[in-house]
Amino acid sequence: MNRQALPASLSAIPVPRVPAWAVPRGSVDSDVEAAYMAGSALNSLDNLVRSDAPWLGAWRHRLALKAAAATTKLMRRTEDESALRDAWYLRQPGDAFGPAGNVLLAWRKLAGRILPPTPEDLQSVAELLGITWSDAFGDCLEELAADMRAAAPAPLIAARAATAIMRVNPKAEPLAWWMADCALSWRMGWRHAVPILGTQIHAPLLRFGPNRYRARPGGEEFERAVFVAASLGSNEACRLAAGMAQQADRLIVVMPKLRAKGAGEVIALLLSDDAVSSSFTSKAMTRWASRRLFERLQQLDAVRELSGRPTFRLYGL
């Protein structure tokens, strides 16, 4: 098996934790408190992103799945994470993604892209989210670039970016949240964007006021909501990373026990994507060999089966 470029162990890469005091446990009524918690939480997340752990690709795409599920709910669709994962990984070559699959594609574009975005990038995402394009959306990127030069705090820039989208089209909230995460990652100086805010769209702590309405881009409480979302999202992302890091470490440990030709390619995919189909094929691996490999990996507790089905299985960290 080709093990080139894969580390012998990942245990030396620590996964940062967000301090407990930086994670909101109840309603946050102070802008200062919200900003203080977000700053600490984002510092932990920043350390994680800059660790360059080899499984960060899988982690980003798992977060993209969570953000996509929150977005489909925002769009009054019923697809959950499992349905979205199936729509992506079980499609046949040449098949259309469908509306739900397009939402996941939009967030995967965020998780896989190098910053900053271009107007063409934004137009592509708008189309995937079913939002009519306006050249004024491109102007939002210019506003975002100006905010970057002003060096405002990352959550504040994210809130302003989302609000700018809503000024152009009040019905473009899915695109506004996508833009917010793009802005947050850009301001943090990350090479690849990380879906954080979009995973928290429906978080109960993002409801404010006596009627507990959900904070929306452009709304009165939205800037505070983004600070809270940054804290909650960073904490959940770090906790997710801790579990995936343990699984990835186990995967690397069992590598010497794998004899299947092409196993190195499968492991590289497991470290870089949310899931891999049990029927994966390549020049070096048949469908039958792939299924045998995943059965072996599951026996060794090196992967998780994600679908819960006896057939058409999906595996990941």
Protein backbone atom coordinates (compact mmCIF):
# COMPACT_ATOMS: atom_id res chain seq x y z
CA MET A 1 0.00 0.00 0.00
CA ASN A 2 1.22 3.49 -0.84
CA ARG A 3 1.56 5.45 2.38
CA GLN A 4 3.40 8.41 0.93
CA ALA A 5 2.66 11.78 2.60
CA LEU A 6 0.58 10.18 5.36
CA PRO A 7 1.96 10.57 8.92
CA ALA A 8 2.77 7.59 11.08
CA SER A 9 0.66 9.07 13.87
CA LEU A 10 -1.53 12.10 14.40
CA SER A 11 -1.49 11.98 18.19
CA ALA A 12 1.16 14.69 18.38
CA ILE A 13 -1.33 17.19 16.92
CA PRO A 14 -3.35 18.57 19.87
CA VAL A 15 -6.92 19.69 19.28
CA PRO A 16 -7.61 23.03 21.00
CA ARG A 17 -10.64 23.38 23.24
CA VAL A 18 -12.80 26.44 23.68
CA PRO A 19 -12.72 27.52 27.36
CA ALA A 20 -15.98 26.72 29.13
CA TRP A 21 -16.48 30.36 30.10
CA ALA A 22 -16.37 31.35 26.41
CA VAL A 23 -19.36 29.16 25.50
CA PRO A 24 -22.75 30.84 26.14
CA ARG A 25 -25.03 28.76 28.37
CA GLY A 26 -27.94 31.19 28.43
CA SER A 27 -29.17 34.38 26.82
CA VAL A 28 -26.39 36.90 26.17
CA ASP A 29 -27.74 40.41 26.66
CA SER A 30 -24.47 42.35 26.50
CA ASP A 31 -22.62 43.14 23.28
CA VAL A 32 -19.37 43.37 25.23
CA GLU A 33 -19.85 39.93 26.80
CA ALA A 34 -20.75 38.42 23.43
CA ALA A 35 -17.65 39.93 21.79
CA TYR A 36 -15.38 38.78 24.63
CA MET A 37 -16.57 35.17 24.43
CA ALA A 38 -16.36 35.15 20.64
CA GLY A 39 -12.78 36.42 20.73
CA SER A 40 -11.62 33.61 22.99
CA ALA A 41 -13.57 30.93 21.10
CA LEU A 42 -12.22 32.07 17.74
CA ASN A 43 -8.69 32.03 19.13
CA SER A 44 -9.07 28.32 19.92
CA LEU A 45 -10.56 27.70 16.49
CA ASP A 46 -7.76 29.66 14.84
CA ASN A 47 -5.17 27.45 16.53
CA LEU A 48 -6.98 24.40 15.20
CA VAL A 49 -7.23 25.69 11.63
CA ARG A 50 -3.55 26.65 11.59
CA SER A 51 -2.46 23.25 12.93
CA ASP A 52 -2.58 21.93 9.36
CA ALA A 53 -3.79 18.54 10.60
CA PRO A 54 -4.19 16.13 7.67
CA TRP A 55 -7.86 15.46 8.50
CA LEU A 56 -8.95 19.11 8.34
CA GLY A 57 -10.41 18.57 4.88
CA ALA A 58 -12.83 15.96 6.22
CA TRP A 59 -13.61 18.25 9.16
CA ARG A 60 -14.42 21.23 6.93
CA HIS A 61 -16.71 19.12 4.74
CA ARG A 62 -18.48 17.69 7.80
CA LEU A 63 -19.12 21.27 8.93
CA ALA A 64 -20.34 22.11 5.42
CA LEU A 65 -22.89 19.31 5.76
CA LYS A 66 -24.12 20.76 9.05
CA ALA A 67 -24.40 24.25 7.57
CA ALA A 68 -26.25 22.87 4.55
CA ALA A 69 -28.76 21.10 6.80
CA ALA A 70 -29.39 24.35 8.69
CA THR A 71 -29.81 26.17 5.38
CA THR A 72 -32.32 23.67 3.99
CA LYS A 73 -34.37 24.15 7.15
CA LEU A 74 -34.16 27.90 6.61
CA MET A 75 -35.50 27.31 3.08
CA ARG A 76 -38.39 25.27 4.55
CA ARG A 77 -37.09 22.04 3.11
CA THR A 78 -37.12 18.75 5.01
CA GLU A 79 -33.72 17.22 4.15
CA ASP A 80 -31.54 16.53 7.19
CA GLU A 81 -27.83 15.71 7.26
CA SER A 82 -28.39 12.07 6.32
CA ALA A 83 -30.60 12.93 3.35
CA LEU A 84 -28.13 15.54 2.13
CA ARG A 85 -25.23 13.10 2.45
CA ASP A 86 -27.17 10.51 0.45
CA ALA A 87 -28.04 13.07 -2.23
CA TRP A 88 -24.34 13.81 -2.63
CA TYR A 89 -22.61 10.45 -2.38
CA LEU A 90 -25.21 8.11 -3.87
CA ARG A 91 -25.89 10.04 -7.06
CA GLN A 92 -24.88 8.47 -10.34
CA PRO A 93 -22.32 10.16 -12.62
CA GLY A 94 -24.06 12.84 -14.63
CA ASP A 95 -27.09 13.03 -12.32
CA ALA A 96 -28.30 16.47 -11.24
CA PHE A 97 -27.83 17.26 -7.57
CA GLY A 98 -31.38 18.51 -7.11
CA PRO A 99 -32.33 21.49 -4.91
CA ALA A 100 -31.08 19.93 -1.67
CA GLY A 101 -27.87 18.70 -3.25
CA ASN A 102 -27.27 22.18 -4.64
CA VAL A 103 -27.43 23.61 -1.12
CA LEU A 104 -24.77 21.15 0.02
CA LEU A 105 -22.69 21.96 -3.06
CA ALA A 106 -22.84 25.66 -2.15
CA TRP A 107 -21.42 24.98 1.31
CA ARG A 108 -18.86 22.50 0.01
CA LYS A 109 -17.70 25.24 -2.36
CA LEU A 110 -17.12 27.40 0.72
CA ALA A 111 -15.29 24.65 2.62
CA GLY A 112 -13.08 23.81 -0.33
CA ARG A 113 -12.24 27.22 -1.66
CA ILE A 114 -9.24 29.47 -1.27
CA LEU A 115 -10.04 33.02 -0.16
CA PRO A 116 -10.92 35.70 -1.12
CA PRO A 117 -14.00 34.99 -3.27
CA THR A 118 -14.70 36.56 -6.65
CA PRO A 119 -18.00 37.91 -8.02
CA GLU A 120 -18.15 34.80 -10.20
CA ASP A 121 -17.87 32.62 -7.09
CA LEU A 122 -20.72 34.50 -5.43
CA GLN A 123 -22.90 34.30 -8.53
CA SER A 124 -22.37 30.55 -8.74
CA VAL A 125 -23.41 30.11 -5.10
CA ALA A 126 -26.45 32.36 -5.52
CA GLU A 127 -27.63 30.20 -8.40
CA LEU A 128 -27.14 27.03 -6.36
CA LEU A 129 -29.24 28.52 -3.56
CA GLY A 130 -32.01 29.52 -5.97
CA ILE A 131 -31.40 33.25 -5.57
CA THR A 132 -31.69 35.54 -8.58
CA TRP A 133 -28.37 37.20 -9.27
CA SER A 134 -27.95 40.95 -9.10
CA ASP A 135 -24.79 42.83 -9.96
CA ALA A 136 -25.32 44.63 -6.66
CA PHE A 137 -24.25 41.41 -4.92
CA GLY A 138 -20.85 41.92 -6.52
CA ASP A 139 -20.72 45.36 -4.90
CA CYS A 140 -21.10 43.60 -1.55
CA LEU A 141 -17.70 42.02 -2.13
CA GLU A 142 -16.19 45.47 -2.62
CA GLU A 143 -17.76 46.59 0.67
CA LEU A 144 -16.33 43.49 2.32
CA ALA A 145 -12.86 44.24 0.98
CA ALA A 146 -13.11 47.77 2.39
CA ASP A 147 -14.07 46.35 5.80
CA MET A 148 -11.04 44.08 5.65
CA ARG A 149 -8.78 47.08 5.19
CA ALA A 150 -10.42 48.74 8.20
CA ALA A 151 -9.45 45.69 10.32
CA ALA A 152 -12.71 45.44 12.26
CA PRO A 153 -13.30 42.31 14.39
CA ALA A 154 -14.06 39.20 12.32
CA PRO A 155 -17.63 38.61 13.61
CA LEU A 156 -18.49 42.27 13.03
CA ILE A 157 -17.23 42.08 9.45
CA ALA A 158 -19.24 38.88 8.96
CA ALA A 159 -22.41 40.54 10.24
CA ARG A 160 -21.91 43.52 7.94
CA ALA A 161 -21.29 41.26 4.95
CA ALA A 162 -24.52 39.35 5.56
CA THR A 163 -26.47 42.57 6.09
CA ALA A 164 -25.17 43.95 2.79
CA ILE A 165 -26.56 40.90 0.97
CA MET A 166 -29.97 41.39 2.59
CA ARG A 167 -30.04 45.05 1.58
CA VAL A 168 -29.80 43.94 -2.04
CA ASN A 169 -32.43 41.21 -1.67
CA PRO A 170 -34.33 40.64 1.61
CA LYS A 171 -35.13 37.10 0.41
CA ALA A 172 -31.47 36.15 0.04
CA GLU A 173 -30.90 35.03 3.65
CA PRO A 174 -29.27 31.69 2.68
CA LEU A 175 -26.70 33.60 0.62
CA ALA A 176 -26.27 36.11 3.47
CA TRP A 177 -25.22 33.37 5.90
CA TRP A 178 -22.86 31.89 3.30
CA MET A 179 -21.33 35.33 2.83
CA ALA A 180 -21.01 35.78 6.60
CA ASP A 181 -18.94 32.62 6.94
CA CYS A 182 -16.84 33.59 3.95
CA ALA A 183 -16.15 36.99 5.52
CA LEU A 184 -15.34 35.49 8.92
CA SER A 185 -12.76 33.10 7.48
CA TRP A 186 -11.25 35.79 5.27
CA ARG A 187 -10.84 38.17 8.19
CA MET A 188 -9.31 35.40 10.30
CA GLY A 189 -6.67 34.96 7.62
CA TRP A 190 -7.45 31.32 6.91
CA ARG A 191 -6.38 29.92 3.57
CA HIS A 192 -9.55 27.83 3.28
CA ALA A 193 -12.95 28.95 4.51
CA VAL A 194 -14.55 27.08 7.41
CA PRO A 195 -18.36 26.89 7.82
CA ILE A 196 -19.00 28.06 11.37
CA LEU A 197 -21.80 30.63 11.51
CA GLY A 198 -24.04 28.73 9.10
CA THR A 199 -24.14 25.78 11.47
CA GLN A 200 -25.80 27.98 14.11
CA ILE A 201 -28.65 29.57 12.13
CA HIS A 202 -31.32 27.94 14.30
CA ALA A 203 -29.46 27.92 17.63
CA PRO A 204 -31.87 28.84 20.46
CA LEU A 205 -29.39 31.39 21.84
CA LEU A 206 -29.66 33.35 18.58
CA ARG A 207 -33.18 34.36 19.57
CA PHE A 208 -33.52 37.76 21.21
CA GLY A 209 -36.13 40.15 22.52
CA PRO A 210 -39.33 39.45 24.46
CA ASN A 211 -40.76 37.35 21.61
CA ARG A 212 -37.53 35.37 21.13
CA TYR A 213 -37.47 35.89 17.39
CA ARG A 214 -34.59 34.39 15.44
CA ALA A 215 -31.93 36.97 14.62
CA ARG A 216 -31.80 37.64 10.89
CA PRO A 217 -29.14 39.47 8.85
CA GLY A 218 -29.85 43.17 8.99
CA GLY A 219 -31.95 42.86 12.13
CA GLU A 220 -31.45 44.92 15.26
CA GLU A 221 -29.70 42.19 17.25
CA PHE A 222 -27.84 40.55 14.40
CA GLU A 223 -24.34 41.75 15.22
CA ARG A 224 -24.62 40.32 18.73
CA ALA A 225 -26.11 37.16 17.25
CA VAL A 226 -23.04 36.68 15.06
CA PHE A 227 -20.73 37.03 18.07
CA VAL A 228 -22.81 34.38 19.88
CA ALA A 229 -22.85 32.17 16.78
CA ALA A 230 -19.06 32.46 16.53
CA SER A 231 -18.71 31.25 20.12
CA LEU A 232 -21.17 28.38 19.76
CA GLY A 233 -19.93 27.39 16.32
CA SER A 234 -16.28 27.44 17.34
CA ASN A 235 -17.00 25.26 20.35
CA GLU A 236 -18.96 22.72 18.31
CA ALA A 237 -16.31 22.72 15.58
CA CYS A 238 -13.51 22.06 18.08
CA ARG A 239 -15.48 19.27 19.74
CA LEU A 240 -16.18 17.71 16.35
CA ALA A 241 -12.48 17.98 15.52
CA ALA A 242 -11.50 16.20 18.73
CA GLY A 243 -13.58 13.15 17.80
CA MET A 244 -12.41 13.12 14.19
CA ALA A 245 -8.77 13.45 15.30
CA GLN A 246 -9.07 10.32 17.43
CA GLN A 247 -10.62 8.43 14.54
CA ALA A 248 -7.94 9.66 12.13
CA ASP A 249 -5.21 8.62 14.54
CA ARG A 250 -6.70 5.15 14.71
CA LEU A 251 -6.86 5.03 10.91
CA ILE A 252 -3.16 5.79 10.62
CA VAL A 253 -2.26 3.26 13.30
CA VAL A 254 -3.94 0.40 11.41
CA MET A 255 -2.40 1.33 8.04
CA PRO A 256 0.39 -1.29 8.26
CA LYS A 257 -2.28 -4.00 8.58
CA LEU A 258 -3.88 -3.10 5.25
CA ARG A 259 -2.78 -5.12 2.25
CA ALA A 260 -5.36 -4.04 -0.33
CA LYS A 261 -3.96 -2.39 -3.43
CA GLY A 262 -5.27 1.17 -3.56
CA ALA A 263 -5.93 1.39 0.19
CA GLY A 264 -3.76 4.51 0.42
CA GLU A 265 -6.10 6.34 -1.95
CA VAL A 266 -9.10 5.40 0.18
CA ILE A 267 -7.41 6.59 3.36
CA ALA A 268 -6.50 9.88 1.71
CA LEU A 269 -10.17 10.34 0.79
CA LEU A 270 -11.30 9.54 4.32
CA LEU A 271 -8.96 12.24 5.63
CA SER A 272 -10.09 14.82 3.10
CA ASP A 273 -13.85 14.34 2.74
CA ASP A 274 -16.94 13.84 4.85
CA ALA A 275 -17.62 10.32 3.60
CA VAL A 276 -16.62 7.66 1.09
CA SER A 277 -18.99 5.17 -0.51
CA SER A 278 -18.46 1.48 0.16
CA SER A 279 -18.69 0.97 -3.60
CA PHE A 280 -15.76 3.30 -4.32
CA THR A 281 -13.73 2.21 -7.33
CA SER A 282 -10.44 3.31 -8.84
CA LYS A 283 -7.84 1.97 -11.25
CA ALA A 284 -6.29 0.04 -8.38
CA MET A 285 -9.45 -1.03 -6.53
CA THR A 286 -12.58 -2.88 -7.60
CA ARG A 287 -15.96 -2.41 -5.95
CA TRP A 288 -15.63 -5.79 -4.27
CA ALA A 289 -12.16 -4.93 -2.93
CA SER A 290 -13.45 -1.60 -1.67
CA ARG A 291 -16.22 -3.25 0.32
CA ARG A 292 -13.78 -5.73 1.81
CA LEU A 293 -11.44 -2.89 2.77
CA PHE A 294 -14.19 -0.95 4.55
CA GLU A 295 -15.34 -4.07 6.37
CA ARG A 296 -11.75 -4.54 7.55
CA LEU A 297 -11.44 -0.90 8.60
CA GLN A 298 -14.69 -1.12 10.54
CA GLN A 299 -13.51 -4.29 12.29
CA LEU A 300 -10.38 -2.40 13.31
CA ASP A 301 -12.52 0.50 14.59
CA ALA A 302 -10.77 2.82 12.14
CA VAL A 303 -13.88 4.21 10.41
CA ARG A 304 -17.52 4.85 11.23
CA GLU A 305 -20.45 3.68 9.11
CA LEU A 306 -22.50 6.83 8.62
CA SER A 307 -25.70 5.73 6.87
CA GLY A 308 -27.07 3.13 9.29
CA ARG A 309 -28.06 0.94 6.33
CA PRO A 310 -27.08 -2.65 5.48
CA THR A 311 -26.56 -1.63 1.84
CA PHE A 312 -25.31 1.49 0.02
CA ARG A 313 -23.13 2.21 3.02
CA LEU A 314 -21.09 5.35 3.58
CA TYR A 315 -17.96 5.51 5.73
CA GLY A 316 -16.07 8.37 7.31
CA LEU A 317 -14.14 9.61 10.33
